[in-house]
Amino acid sequence: MLAVKIARYDIQTHLIKDLDLILLLLIFFLLGNRNLNFGILYFAIFLSIHLVTLGKLGFGDVKLALVLGFTCQTFIQLILYINIAWILGGIWAMMERSRNIAFAPSMLIGALFGQLII
C-alpha cells in the first residue's frame, strides 16, 4: 500500500517524500530484509546516473534505490530490479512521449518482479 502511495505521489508531483522512504525502510527492516551491501550498490549506481545526467534522474529515485536495494538477496536479483525498472520506464516514456516521467513506479514494479522471480 505504501509503494502505491509513493508511486502515485511521484506520478502527480515528480517527487518522493522522505517520510515515505523512511517508513518503507522501516517496513523492510521489520520484515528482515537487511542487505546493506546491495542497498549501497543500488544507491551508488543511481547516484552515478544522477550526477552524470546532471539531475535528470531525480535524487528521490536515488534514495529509493537505496531503500529497495536492502531487499535484494543476490546480485542477479539487483540486476533484475534495475533492468525491469529501466525497461518499464522506457516503455512508459515512449507511451507518454515525454522526457520527464515519474521513475519510482517503474522502480517499485521492478523490485516486486525481482522478488517474485528469484
PDB file of N, CA and C in Angstrom:
ATOM      1  N   MET A   1       0.816  -1.191   0.000  1.00  0.00           N
ATOM      2  CA  MET A   1       0.000   0.000   0.000  1.00  0.00           C
ATOM      3  C   MET A   1       0.871   1.271   0.000  1.00  0.00           C
ATOM      4  N   LEU A   2       1.951   1.250   0.782  1.00  0.00           N
ATOM      5  CA  LEU A   2       2.849   2.395   0.820  1.00  0.00           C
ATOM      6  C   LEU A   2       3.541   2.578  -0.532  1.00  0.00           C
ATOM      7  N   ALA A   3       3.876   1.490  -1.186  1.00  0.00           N
ATOM      8  CA  ALA A   3       4.510   1.575  -2.504  1.00  0.00           C
ATOM      9  C   ALA A   3       3.572   2.246  -3.502  1.00  0.00           C
ATOM     10  N   VAL A   4       2.297   1.923  -3.420  1.00  0.00           N
ATOM     11  CA  VAL A   4       1.305   2.544  -4.307  1.00  0.00           C
ATOM     12  C   VAL A   4       1.228   4.042  -4.019  1.00  0.00           C
ATOM     13  N   LYS A   5       1.267   4.413  -2.742  1.00  0.00           N
ATOM     14  CA  LYS A   5       1.237   5.827  -2.361  1.00  0.00           C
ATOM     15  C   LYS A   5       2.455   6.563  -2.914  1.00  0.00           C
ATOM     16  N   ILE A   6       3.621   5.941  -2.799  1.00  0.00           N
ATOM     17  CA  ILE A   6       4.847   6.551  -3.315  1.00  0.00           C
ATOM     18  C   ILE A   6       4.756   6.727  -4.825  1.00  0.00           C
ATOM     19  N   ALA A   7       4.305   5.680  -5.518  1.00  0.00           N
ATOM     20  CA  ALA A   7       4.192   5.735  -6.976  1.00  0.00           C
ATOM     21  C   ALA A   7       3.195   6.803  -7.418  1.00  0.00           C
ATOM     22  N   ARG A   8       2.049   6.835  -6.776  1.00  0.00           N
ATOM     23  CA  ARG A   8       1.016   7.807  -7.143  1.00  0.00           C
ATOM     24  C   ARG A   8       1.502   9.241  -6.923  1.00  0.00           C
ATOM     25  N   TYR A   9       2.148   9.479  -5.792  1.00  0.00           N
ATOM     26  CA  TYR A   9       2.647  10.818  -5.493  1.00  0.00           C
ATOM     27  C   TYR A   9       3.739  11.232  -6.487  1.00  0.00           C
ATOM     28  N   ASP A  10       4.590  10.294  -6.854  1.00  0.00           N
ATOM     29  CA  ASP A  10       5.634  10.585  -7.833  1.00  0.00           C
ATOM     30  C   ASP A  10       5.027  10.907  -9.194  1.00  0.00           C
ATOM     31  N   ILE A  11       4.013  10.188  -9.582  1.00  0.00           N
ATOM     32  CA  ILE A  11       3.346  10.466 -10.862  1.00  0.00           C
ATOM     33  C   ILE A  11       2.746  11.867 -10.859  1.00  0.00           C
ATOM     34  N   GLN A  12       2.142  12.259  -9.743  1.00  0.00           N
ATOM     35  CA  GLN A  12       1.478  13.559  -9.659  1.00  0.00           C
ATOM     36  C   GLN A  12       2.453  14.723  -9.544  1.00  0.00           C
ATOM     37  N   THR A  13       3.551  14.532  -8.799  1.00  0.00           N
ATOM     38  CA  THR A  13       4.415  15.662  -8.461  1.00  0.00           C
ATOM     39  C   THR A  13       5.868  15.531  -8.922  1.00  0.00           C
ATOM     40  N   HIS A  14       6.252  14.340  -9.342  1.00  0.00           N
ATOM     41  CA  HIS A  14       7.657  14.032  -9.656  1.00  0.00           C
ATOM     42  C   HIS A  14       8.551  14.201  -8.431  1.00  0.00           C
ATOM     43  N   LEU A  15       7.990  13.892  -7.272  1.00  0.00           N
ATOM     44  CA  LEU A  15       8.719  13.935  -6.007  1.00  0.00           C
ATOM     45  C   LEU A  15       8.435  12.672  -5.209  1.00  0.00           C
ATOM     46  N   ILE A  16       9.370  12.313  -4.341  1.00  0.00           N
ATOM     47  CA  ILE A  16       9.185  11.200  -3.410  1.00  0.00           C
ATOM     48  C   ILE A  16       9.447  11.760  -2.016  1.00  0.00           C
ATOM     49  N   LYS A  17       8.476  11.604  -1.141  1.00  0.00           N
ATOM     50  CA  LYS A  17       8.602  12.146   0.212  1.00  0.00           C
ATOM     51  C   LYS A  17       9.600  11.325   1.027  1.00  0.00           C
ATOM     52  N   ASP A  18      10.470  12.033   1.745  1.00  0.00           N
ATOM     53  CA  ASP A  18      11.453  11.361   2.598  1.00  0.00           C
ATOM     54  C   ASP A  18      10.773  10.519   3.673  1.00  0.00           C
ATOM     55  N   LEU A  19       9.672  11.006   4.232  1.00  0.00           N
ATOM     56  CA  LEU A  19       8.957  10.263   5.262  1.00  0.00           C
ATOM     57  C   LEU A  19       8.471   8.918   4.728  1.00  0.00           C
ATOM     58  N   ASP A  20       7.974   8.903   3.505  1.00  0.00           N
ATOM     59  CA  ASP A  20       7.525   7.640   2.903  1.00  0.00           C
ATOM     60  C   ASP A  20       8.693   6.678   2.719  1.00  0.00           C
ATOM     61  N   LEU A  21       9.848   7.203   2.343  1.00  0.00           N
ATOM     62  CA  LEU A  21      11.029   6.344   2.187  1.00  0.00           C
ATOM     63  C   LEU A  21      11.471   5.773   3.529  1.00  0.00           C
ATOM     64  N   ILE A  22      11.400   6.582   4.574  1.00  0.00           N
ATOM     65  CA  ILE A  22      11.777   6.106   5.907  1.00  0.00           C
ATOM     66  C   ILE A  22      10.809   5.025   6.371  1.00  0.00           C
ATOM     67  N   LEU A  23       9.523   5.236   6.132  1.00  0.00           N
ATOM     68  CA  LEU A  23       8.530   4.222   6.508  1.00  0.00           C
ATOM     69  C   LEU A  23       8.746   2.925   5.738  1.00  0.00           C
ATOM     70  N   LEU A  24       9.019   3.033   4.454  1.00  0.00           N
ATOM     71  CA  LEU A  24       9.276   1.849   3.639  1.00  0.00           C
ATOM     72  C   LEU A  24      10.521   1.116   4.135  1.00  0.00           C
ATOM     73  N   LEU A  25      11.547   1.864   4.475  1.00  0.00           N
ATOM     74  CA  LEU A  25      12.766   1.269   5.015  1.00  0.00           C
ATOM     75  C   LEU A  25      12.488   0.547   6.332  1.00  0.00           C
ATOM     76  N   LEU A  26      11.707   1.158   7.202  1.00  0.00           N
ATOM     77  CA  LEU A  26      11.349   0.516   8.471  1.00  0.00           C
ATOM     78  C   LEU A  26      10.573  -0.780   8.251  1.00  0.00           C
ATOM     79  N   ILE A  27       9.662  -0.753   7.307  1.00  0.00           N
ATOM     80  CA  ILE A  27       8.892  -1.966   6.996  1.00  0.00           C
ATOM     81  C   ILE A  27       9.829  -3.070   6.519  1.00  0.00           C
ATOM     82  N   PHE A  28      10.749  -2.740   5.628  1.00  0.00           N
ATOM     83  CA  PHE A  28      11.689  -3.745   5.134  1.00  0.00           C
ATOM     84  C   PHE A  28      12.552  -4.300   6.264  1.00  0.00           C
ATOM     85  N   PHE A  29      12.991  -3.435   7.165  1.00  0.00           N
ATOM     86  CA  PHE A  29      13.815  -3.890   8.287  1.00  0.00           C
ATOM     87  C   PHE A  29      13.018  -4.794   9.221  1.00  0.00           C
ATOM     88  N   LEU A  30      11.763  -4.441   9.462  1.00  0.00           N
ATOM     89  CA  LEU A  30      10.921  -5.274  10.326  1.00  0.00           C
ATOM     90  C   LEU A  30      10.636  -6.636   9.700  1.00  0.00           C
ATOM     91  N   LEU A  31      10.591  -6.679   8.373  1.00  0.00           N
ATOM     92  CA  LEU A  31      10.364  -7.941   7.665  1.00  0.00           C
ATOM     93  C   LEU A  31      11.646  -8.759   7.526  1.00  0.00           C
ATOM     94  N   GLY A  32      12.749  -8.196   7.951  1.00  0.00           N
ATOM     95  CA  GLY A  32      14.015  -8.928   7.913  1.00  0.00           C
ATOM     96  C   GLY A  32      14.823  -8.738   6.653  1.00  0.00           C
ATOM     97  N   ASN A  33      14.425  -7.808   5.808  1.00  0.00           N
ATOM     98  CA  ASN A  33      15.176  -7.536   4.577  1.00  0.00           C
ATOM     99  C   ASN A  33      16.238  -6.487   4.878  1.00  0.00           C
ATOM    100  N   ARG A  34      17.474  -6.961   5.083  1.00  0.00           N
ATOM    101  CA  ARG A  34      18.526  -6.037   5.501  1.00  0.00           C
ATOM    102  C   ARG A  34      19.841  -6.321   4.793  1.00  0.00           C
ATOM    103  N   ASN A  35      19.907  -6.156   3.519  1.00  0.00           N
ATOM    104  CA  ASN A  35      21.169  -6.375   2.831  1.00  0.00           C
ATOM    105  C   ASN A  35      21.788  -5.022   2.490  1.00  0.00           C
ATOM    106  N   LEU A  36      22.598  -4.542   3.398  1.00  0.00           N
ATOM    107  CA  LEU A  36      23.196  -3.211   3.267  1.00  0.00           C
ATOM    108  C   LEU A  36      24.069  -3.096   2.021  1.00  0.00           C
ATOM    109  N   ASN A  37      24.784  -4.157   1.677  1.00  0.00           N
ATOM    110  CA  ASN A  37      25.688  -4.104   0.521  1.00  0.00           C
ATOM    111  C   ASN A  37      24.944  -3.805  -0.773  1.00  0.00           C
ATOM    112  N   PHE A  38      23.833  -4.489  -1.007  1.00  0.00           N
ATOM    113  CA  PHE A  38      23.081  -4.253  -2.242  1.00  0.00           C
ATOM    114  C   PHE A  38      22.378  -2.906  -2.208  1.00  0.00           C
ATOM    115  N   GLY A  39      21.977  -2.462  -1.022  1.00  0.00           N
ATOM    116  CA  GLY A  39      21.398  -1.131  -0.895  1.00  0.00           C
ATOM    117  C   GLY A  39      22.390  -0.058  -1.306  1.00  0.00           C
ATOM    118  N   ILE A  40      23.609  -0.190  -0.823  1.00  0.00           N
ATOM    119  CA  ILE A  40      24.654   0.782  -1.158  1.00  0.00           C
ATOM    120  C   ILE A  40      25.023   0.700  -2.640  1.00  0.00           C
ATOM    121  N   LEU A  41      25.086  -0.510  -3.189  1.00  0.00           N
ATOM    122  CA  LEU A  41      25.422  -0.668  -4.604  1.00  0.00           C
ATOM    123  C   LEU A  41      24.350  -0.050  -5.505  1.00  0.00           C
ATOM    124  N   TYR A  42      23.081  -0.335  -5.210  1.00  0.00           N
ATOM    125  CA  TYR A  42      21.977   0.231  -5.995  1.00  0.00           C
ATOM    126  C   TYR A  42      22.012   1.755  -5.884  1.00  0.00           C
ATOM    127  N   PHE A  43      22.235   2.269  -4.682  1.00  0.00           N
ATOM    128  CA  PHE A  43      22.353   3.708  -4.458  1.00  0.00           C
ATOM    129  C   PHE A  43      23.501   4.289  -5.279  1.00  0.00           C
ATOM    130  N   ALA A  44      24.653   3.640  -5.256  1.00  0.00           N
ATOM    131  CA  ALA A  44      25.827   4.140  -5.972  1.00  0.00           C
ATOM    132  C   ALA A  44      25.589   4.184  -7.481  1.00  0.00           C
ATOM    133  N   ILE A  45      24.928   3.160  -8.002  1.00  0.00           N
ATOM    134  CA  ILE A  45      24.630   3.131  -9.438  1.00  0.00           C
ATOM    135  C   ILE A  45      23.728   4.300  -9.812  1.00  0.00           C
ATOM    136  N   PHE A  46      22.666   4.496  -9.037  1.00  0.00           N
ATOM    137  CA  PHE A  46      21.727   5.571  -9.354  1.00  0.00           C
ATOM    138  C   PHE A  46      22.308   6.947  -9.059  1.00  0.00           C
ATOM    139  N   LEU A  47      23.158   7.057  -8.041  1.00  0.00           N
ATOM    140  CA  LEU A  47      23.819   8.329  -7.770  1.00  0.00           C
ATOM    141  C   LEU A  47      24.736   8.696  -8.934  1.00  0.00           C
ATOM    142  N   SER A  48      25.434   7.714  -9.475  1.00  0.00           N
ATOM    143  CA  SER A  48      26.298   7.957 -10.639  1.00  0.00           C
ATOM    144  C   SER A  48      25.483   8.465 -11.816  1.00  0.00           C
ATOM    145  N   ILE A  49      24.346   7.834 -12.053  1.00  0.00           N
ATOM    146  CA  ILE A  49      23.471   8.268 -13.157  1.00  0.00           C
ATOM    147  C   ILE A  49      22.963   9.684 -12.895  1.00  0.00           C
ATOM    148  N   HIS A  50      22.570   9.941 -11.653  1.00  0.00           N
ATOM    149  CA  HIS A  50      22.087  11.271 -11.269  1.00  0.00           C
ATOM    150  C   HIS A  50      23.145  12.341 -11.546  1.00  0.00           C
ATOM    151  N   LEU A  51      24.385  12.048 -11.198  1.00  0.00           N
ATOM    152  CA  LEU A  51      25.466  13.018 -11.383  1.00  0.00           C
ATOM    153  C   LEU A  51      25.846  13.189 -12.848  1.00  0.00           C
ATOM    154  N   VAL A  52      25.919  12.077 -13.573  1.00  0.00           N
ATOM    155  CA  VAL A  52      26.315  12.146 -14.992  1.00  0.00           C
ATOM    156  C   VAL A  52      25.254  12.868 -15.822  1.00  0.00           C
ATOM    157  N   THR A  53      23.996  12.668 -15.490  1.00  0.00           N
ATOM    158  CA  THR A  53      22.909  13.290 -16.261  1.00  0.00           C
ATOM    159  C   THR A  53      22.533  14.655 -15.722  1.00  0.00           C
ATOM    160  N   LEU A  54      23.301  15.152 -14.767  1.00  0.00           N
ATOM    161  CA  LEU A  54      23.059  16.476 -14.180  1.00  0.00           C
ATOM    162  C   LEU A  54      21.651  16.596 -13.593  1.00  0.00           C
ATOM    163  N   GLY A  55      21.232  15.553 -12.903  1.00  0.00           N
ATOM    164  CA  GLY A  55      19.964  15.603 -12.185  1.00  0.00           C
ATOM    165  C   GLY A  55      18.740  15.185 -12.972  1.00  0.00           C
ATOM    166  N   LYS A  56      18.925  14.656 -14.181  1.00  0.00           N
ATOM    167  CA  LYS A  56      17.755  14.196 -14.953  1.00  0.00           C
ATOM    168  C   LYS A  56      17.052  13.046 -14.242  1.00  0.00           C
ATOM    169  N   LEU A  57      17.827  12.207 -13.563  1.00  0.00           N
ATOM    170  CA  LEU A  57      17.262  11.195 -12.680  1.00  0.00           C
ATOM    171  C   LEU A  57      17.209  11.856 -11.307  1.00  0.00           C
ATOM    172  N   GLY A  58      16.005  12.005 -10.763  1.00  0.00           N
ATOM    173  CA  GLY A  58      15.834  12.752  -9.525  1.00  0.00           C
ATOM    174  C   GLY A  58      16.506  12.103  -8.323  1.00  0.00           C
ATOM    175  N   PHE A  59      16.840  12.919  -7.336  1.00  0.00           N
ATOM    176  CA  PHE A  59      17.505  12.383  -6.155  1.00  0.00           C
ATOM    177  C   PHE A  59      16.557  11.531  -5.315  1.00  0.00           C
ATOM    178  N   GLY A  60      15.253  11.746  -5.441  1.00  0.00           N
ATOM    179  CA  GLY A  60      14.295  10.862  -4.772  1.00  0.00           C
ATOM    180  C   GLY A  60      14.418   9.441  -5.284  1.00  0.00           C
ATOM    181  N   ASP A  61      14.657   9.293  -6.575  1.00  0.00           N
ATOM    182  CA  ASP A  61      14.867   7.970  -7.162  1.00  0.00           C
ATOM    183  C   ASP A  61      16.162   7.348  -6.646  1.00  0.00           C
ATOM    184  N   VAL A  62      17.164   8.176  -6.439  1.00  0.00           N
ATOM    185  CA  VAL A  62      18.441   7.695  -5.897  1.00  0.00           C
ATOM    186  C   VAL A  62      18.220   7.149  -4.479  1.00  0.00           C
ATOM    187  N   LYS A  63      17.470   7.902  -3.671  1.00  0.00           N
ATOM    188  CA  LYS A  63      17.191   7.461  -2.304  1.00  0.00           C
ATOM    189  C   LYS A  63      16.307   6.220  -2.293  1.00  0.00           C
ATOM    190  N   LEU A  64      15.350   6.148  -3.220  1.00  0.00           N
ATOM    191  CA  LEU A  64      14.504   4.957  -3.321  1.00  0.00           C
ATOM    192  C   LEU A  64      15.344   3.740  -3.686  1.00  0.00           C
ATOM    193  N   ALA A  65      16.355   3.920  -4.518  1.00  0.00           N
ATOM    194  CA  ALA A  65      17.248   2.819  -4.880  1.00  0.00           C
ATOM    195  C   ALA A  65      17.944   2.257  -3.644  1.00  0.00           C
ATOM    196  N   LEU A  66      18.361   3.129  -2.748  1.00  0.00           N
ATOM    197  CA  LEU A  66      18.994   2.685  -1.504  1.00  0.00           C
ATOM    198  C   LEU A  66      18.034   1.808  -0.706  1.00  0.00           C
ATOM    199  N   VAL A  67      16.802   2.268  -0.564  1.00  0.00           N
ATOM    200  CA  VAL A  67      15.808   1.526   0.220  1.00  0.00           C
ATOM    201  C   VAL A  67      15.482   0.194  -0.448  1.00  0.00           C
ATOM    202  N   LEU A  68      15.236   0.207  -1.743  1.00  0.00           N
ATOM    203  CA  LEU A  68      14.881  -1.036  -2.438  1.00  0.00           C
ATOM    204  C   LEU A  68      16.052  -2.009  -2.471  1.00  0.00           C
ATOM    205  N   GLY A  69      17.259  -1.484  -2.538  1.00  0.00           N
ATOM    206  CA  GLY A  69      18.437  -2.348  -2.560  1.00  0.00           C
ATOM    207  C   GLY A  69      18.569  -3.204  -1.315  1.00  0.00           C
ATOM    208  N   PHE A  70      18.046  -2.726  -0.194  1.00  0.00           N
ATOM    209  CA  PHE A  70      18.094  -3.517   1.042  1.00  0.00           C
ATOM    210  C   PHE A  70      17.328  -4.834   0.910  1.00  0.00           C
ATOM    211  N   THR A  71      16.399  -4.909  -0.038  1.00  0.00           N
ATOM    212  CA  THR A  71      15.586  -6.118  -0.175  1.00  0.00           C
ATOM    213  C   THR A  71      16.220  -7.165  -1.082  1.00  0.00           C
ATOM    214  N   CYS A  72      17.295  -6.800  -1.769  1.00  0.00           N
ATOM    215  CA  CYS A  72      17.960  -7.750  -2.672  1.00  0.00           C
ATOM    216  C   CYS A  72      18.714  -8.813  -1.872  1.00  0.00           C
ATOM    217  N   GLN A  73      18.636 -10.036  -2.353  1.00  0.00           N
ATOM    218  CA  GLN A  73      19.354 -11.137  -1.717  1.00  0.00           C
ATOM    219  C   GLN A  73      20.551 -11.602  -2.539  1.00  0.00           C
ATOM    220  N   THR A  74      20.521 -11.331  -3.843  1.00  0.00           N
ATOM    221  CA  THR A  74      21.622 -11.743  -4.713  1.00  0.00           C
ATOM    222  C   THR A  74      21.925 -10.626  -5.714  1.00  0.00           C
ATOM    223  N   PHE A  75      23.105 -10.696  -6.306  1.00  0.00           N
ATOM    224  CA  PHE A  75      23.485  -9.719  -7.321  1.00  0.00           C
ATOM    225  C   PHE A  75      22.570  -9.832  -8.541  1.00  0.00           C
ATOM    226  N   ILE A  76      22.208 -11.050  -8.901  1.00  0.00           N
ATOM    227  CA  ILE A  76      21.302 -11.267 -10.038  1.00  0.00           C
ATOM    228  C   ILE A  76      19.963 -10.586  -9.785  1.00  0.00           C
ATOM    229  N   GLN A  77      19.486 -10.659  -8.561  1.00  0.00           N
ATOM    230  CA  GLN A  77      18.220 -10.017  -8.215  1.00  0.00           C
ATOM    231  C   GLN A  77      18.334  -8.493  -8.375  1.00  0.00           C
ATOM    232  N   LEU A  78      19.442  -7.931  -7.971  1.00  0.00           N
ATOM    233  CA  LEU A  78      19.648  -6.489  -8.145  1.00  0.00           C
ATOM    234  C   LEU A  78      19.649  -6.121  -9.629  1.00  0.00           C
ATOM    235  N   ILE A  79      20.298  -6.917 -10.430  1.00  0.00           N
ATOM    236  CA  ILE A  79      20.308  -6.677 -11.878  1.00  0.00           C
ATOM    237  C   ILE A  79      18.890  -6.742 -12.433  1.00  0.00           C
ATOM    238  N   LEU A  80      18.091  -7.682 -11.950  1.00  0.00           N
ATOM    239  CA  LEU A  80      16.684  -7.757 -12.370  1.00  0.00           C
ATOM    240  C   LEU A  80      15.934  -6.494 -11.981  1.00  0.00           C
ATOM    241  N   TYR A  81      16.095  -6.049 -10.748  1.00  0.00           N
ATOM    242  CA  TYR A  81      15.443  -4.812 -10.290  1.00  0.00           C
ATOM    243  C   TYR A  81      15.732  -3.681 -11.272  1.00  0.00           C
ATOM    244  N   ILE A  82      17.015  -3.503 -11.565  1.00  0.00           N
ATOM    245  CA  ILE A  82      17.437  -2.380 -12.398  1.00  0.00           C
ATOM    246  C   ILE A  82      16.937  -2.534 -13.826  1.00  0.00           C
ATOM    247  N   ASN A  83      17.120  -3.712 -14.409  1.00  0.00           N
ATOM    248  CA  ASN A  83      16.717  -3.921 -15.808  1.00  0.00           C
ATOM    249  C   ASN A  83      15.216  -3.789 -15.998  1.00  0.00           C
ATOM    250  N   ILE A  84      14.441  -4.386 -15.113  1.00  0.00           N
ATOM    251  CA  ILE A  84      12.984  -4.284 -15.238  1.00  0.00           C
ATOM    252  C   ILE A  84      12.549  -2.835 -15.099  1.00  0.00           C
ATOM    253  N   ALA A  85      13.128  -2.120 -14.148  1.00  0.00           N
ATOM    254  CA  ALA A  85      12.772  -0.710 -13.950  1.00  0.00           C
ATOM    255  C   ALA A  85      13.078   0.118 -15.201  1.00  0.00           C
ATOM    256  N   TRP A  86      14.252  -0.075 -15.795  1.00  0.00           N
ATOM    257  CA  TRP A  86      14.618   0.714 -16.974  1.00  0.00           C
ATOM    258  C   TRP A  86      13.780   0.344 -18.189  1.00  0.00           C
ATOM    259  N   ILE A  87      13.461  -0.935 -18.334  1.00  0.00           N
ATOM    260  CA  ILE A  87      12.604  -1.347 -19.459  1.00  0.00           C
ATOM    261  C   ILE A  87      11.217  -0.732 -19.314  1.00  0.00           C
ATOM    262  N   LEU A  88      10.632  -0.844 -18.121  1.00  0.00           N
ATOM    263  CA  LEU A  88       9.307  -0.262 -17.898  1.00  0.00           C
ATOM    264  C   LEU A  88       9.329   1.254 -18.034  1.00  0.00           C
ATOM    265  N   GLY A  89      10.362   1.889 -17.495  1.00  0.00           N
ATOM    266  CA  GLY A  89      10.480   3.336 -17.622  1.00  0.00           C
ATOM    267  C   GLY A  89      10.608   3.770 -19.074  1.00  0.00           C
ATOM    268  N   GLY A  90      11.357   3.013 -19.855  1.00  0.00           N
ATOM    269  CA  GLY A  90      11.499   3.325 -21.284  1.00  0.00           C
ATOM    270  C   GLY A  90      10.198   3.178 -22.035  1.00  0.00           C
ATOM    271  N   ILE A  91       9.470   2.115 -21.731  1.00  0.00           N
ATOM    272  CA  ILE A  91       8.162   1.918 -22.374  1.00  0.00           C
ATOM    273  C   ILE A  91       7.224   3.061 -22.012  1.00  0.00           C
ATOM    274  N   TRP A  92       7.209   3.412 -20.720  1.00  0.00           N
ATOM    275  CA  TRP A  92       6.341   4.496 -20.272  1.00  0.00           C
ATOM    276  C   TRP A  92       6.721   5.825 -20.940  1.00  0.00           C
ATOM    277  N   ALA A  93       8.006   6.088 -21.042  1.00  0.00           N
ATOM    278  CA  ALA A  93       8.457   7.327 -21.677  1.00  0.00           C
ATOM    279  C   ALA A  93       8.035   7.377 -23.145  1.00  0.00           C
ATOM    280  N   MET A  94       8.096   6.241 -23.830  1.00  0.00           N
ATOM    281  CA  MET A  94       7.663   6.211 -25.237  1.00  0.00           C
ATOM    282  C   MET A  94       6.162   6.412 -25.349  1.00  0.00           C
ATOM    283  N   MET A  95       5.416   5.816 -24.428  1.00  0.00           N
ATOM    284  CA  MET A  95       3.956   5.964 -24.462  1.00  0.00           C
ATOM    285  C   MET A  95       3.541   7.395 -24.123  1.00  0.00           C
ATOM    286  N   GLU A  96       4.221   8.009 -23.187  1.00  0.00           N
ATOM    287  CA  GLU A  96       3.908   9.378 -22.771  1.00  0.00           C
ATOM    288  C   GLU A  96       4.484  10.411 -23.736  1.00  0.00           C
ATOM    289  N   ARG A  97       5.452   9.982 -24.526  1.00  0.00           N
ATOM    290  CA  ARG A  97       6.167  10.878 -25.428  1.00  0.00           C
ATOM    291  C   ARG A  97       6.706  12.088 -24.652  1.00  0.00           C
ATOM    292  N   SER A  98       7.259  11.766 -23.501  1.00  0.00           N
ATOM    293  CA  SER A  98       7.777  12.812 -22.634  1.00  0.00           C
ATOM    294  C   SER A  98       9.196  12.466 -22.212  1.00  0.00           C
ATOM    295  N   ARG A  99       9.987  13.487 -21.967  1.00  0.00           N
ATOM    296  CA  ARG A  99      11.338  13.267 -21.474  1.00  0.00           C
ATOM    297  C   ARG A  99      11.355  13.252 -19.952  1.00  0.00           C
ATOM    298  N   ASN A 100      10.246  13.662 -19.336  1.00  0.00           N
ATOM    299  CA  ASN A 100      10.151  13.694 -17.877  1.00  0.00           C
ATOM    300  C   ASN A 100       9.051  12.747 -17.420  1.00  0.00           C
ATOM    301  N   ILE A 101       9.464  11.621 -16.872  1.00  0.00           N
ATOM    302  CA  ILE A 101       8.490  10.679 -16.340  1.00  0.00           C
ATOM    303  C   ILE A 101       8.801  10.425 -14.871  1.00  0.00           C
ATOM    304  N   ALA A 102       7.784   9.983 -14.165  1.00  0.00           N
ATOM    305  CA  ALA A 102       7.987   9.542 -12.785  1.00  0.00           C
ATOM    306  C   ALA A 102       8.625   8.156 -12.863  1.00  0.00           C
ATOM    307  N   PHE A 103       9.798   8.000 -12.257  1.00  0.00           N
ATOM    308  CA  PHE A 103      10.515   6.725 -12.369  1.00  0.00           C
ATOM    309  C   PHE A 103      10.265   5.801 -11.185  1.00  0.00           C
ATOM    310  N   ALA A 104       9.768   6.328 -10.072  1.00  0.00           N
ATOM    311  CA  ALA A 104       9.514   5.484  -8.888  1.00  0.00           C
ATOM    312  C   ALA A 104       8.568   4.324  -9.187  1.00  0.00           C
ATOM    313  N   PRO A 105       7.479   4.532  -9.938  1.00  0.00           N
ATOM    314  CA  PRO A 105       6.607   3.383 -10.220  1.00  0.00           C
ATOM    315  C   PRO A 105       7.353   2.244 -10.926  1.00  0.00           C
ATOM    316  N   SER A 106       8.208   2.575 -11.881  1.00  0.00           N
ATOM    317  CA  SER A 106       8.979   1.553 -12.586  1.00  0.00           C
ATOM    318  C   SER A 106       9.944   0.847 -11.641  1.00  0.00           C
ATOM    319  N   MET A 107      10.560   1.613 -10.753  1.00  0.00           N
ATOM    320  CA  MET A 107      11.495   1.025  -9.791  1.00  0.00           C
ATOM    321  C   MET A 107      10.778   0.083  -8.831  1.00  0.00           C
ATOM    322  N   LEU A 108       9.614   0.497  -8.370  1.00  0.00           N
ATOM    323  CA  LEU A 108       8.855  -0.329  -7.423  1.00  0.00           C
ATOM    324  C   LEU A 108       8.347  -1.611  -8.088  1.00  0.00           C
ATOM    325  N   ILE A 109       7.874  -1.490  -9.322  1.00  0.00           N
ATOM    326  CA  ILE A 109       7.428  -2.680 -10.043  1.00  0.00           C
ATOM    327  C   ILE A 109       8.620  -3.591 -10.343  1.00  0.00           C
ATOM    328  N   GLY A 110       9.749  -3.001 -10.709  1.00  0.00           N
ATOM    329  CA  GLY A 110      10.957  -3.794 -10.954  1.00  0.00           C
ATOM    330  C   GLY A 110      11.372  -4.575  -9.715  1.00  0.00           C
ATOM    331  N   ALA A 111      11.291  -3.943  -8.548  1.00  0.00           N
ATOM    332  CA  ALA A 111      11.634  -4.636  -7.299  1.00  0.00           C
ATOM    333  C   ALA A 111      10.634  -5.732  -6.991  1.00  0.00           C
ATOM    334  N   LEU A 112       9.369  -5.471  -7.241  1.00  0.00           N
ATOM    335  CA  LEU A 112       8.340  -6.501  -6.994  1.00  0.00           C
ATOM    336  C   LEU A 112       8.579  -7.712  -7.877  1.00  0.00           C
ATOM    337  N   PHE A 113       8.789  -7.496  -9.169  1.00  0.00           N
ATOM    338  CA  PHE A 113       9.036  -8.620 -10.072  1.00  0.00           C
ATOM    339  C   PHE A 113      10.358  -9.316  -9.738  1.00  0.00           C
ATOM    340  N   GLY A 114      11.357  -8.535  -9.358  1.00  0.00           N
ATOM    341  CA  GLY A 114      12.632  -9.139  -8.947  1.00  0.00           C
ATOM    342  C   GLY A 114      12.472 -10.057  -7.745  1.00  0.00           C
ATOM    343  N   GLN A 115      11.606  -9.668  -6.815  1.00  0.00           N
ATOM    344  CA  GLN A 115      11.320 -10.521  -5.668  1.00  0.00           C
ATOM    345  C   GLN A 115      10.557 -11.783  -6.072  1.00  0.00           C
ATOM    346  N   LEU A 116       9.608 -11.620  -6.986  1.00  0.00           N
ATOM    347  CA  LEU A 116       8.793 -12.764  -7.401  1.00  0.00           C
ATOM    348  C   LEU A 116       9.564 -13.769  -8.253  1.00  0.00           C
ATOM    349  N   ILE A 117      10.477 -13.272  -9.079  1.00  0.00           N
ATOM    350  CA  ILE A 117      11.226 -14.138  -9.978  1.00  0.00           C
ATOM    351  C   ILE A 117      12.261 -14.951  -9.230  1.00  0.00           C
ATOM    352  N   ILE A 118      12.948 -14.313  -8.260  1.00  0.00           N
ATOM    353  CA  ILE A 118      14.019 -15.028  -7.542  1.00  0.00           C
ATOM    354  C   ILE A 118      13.567 -15.354  -6.138  1.00  0.00           C
TER     355      ILE A 118
END
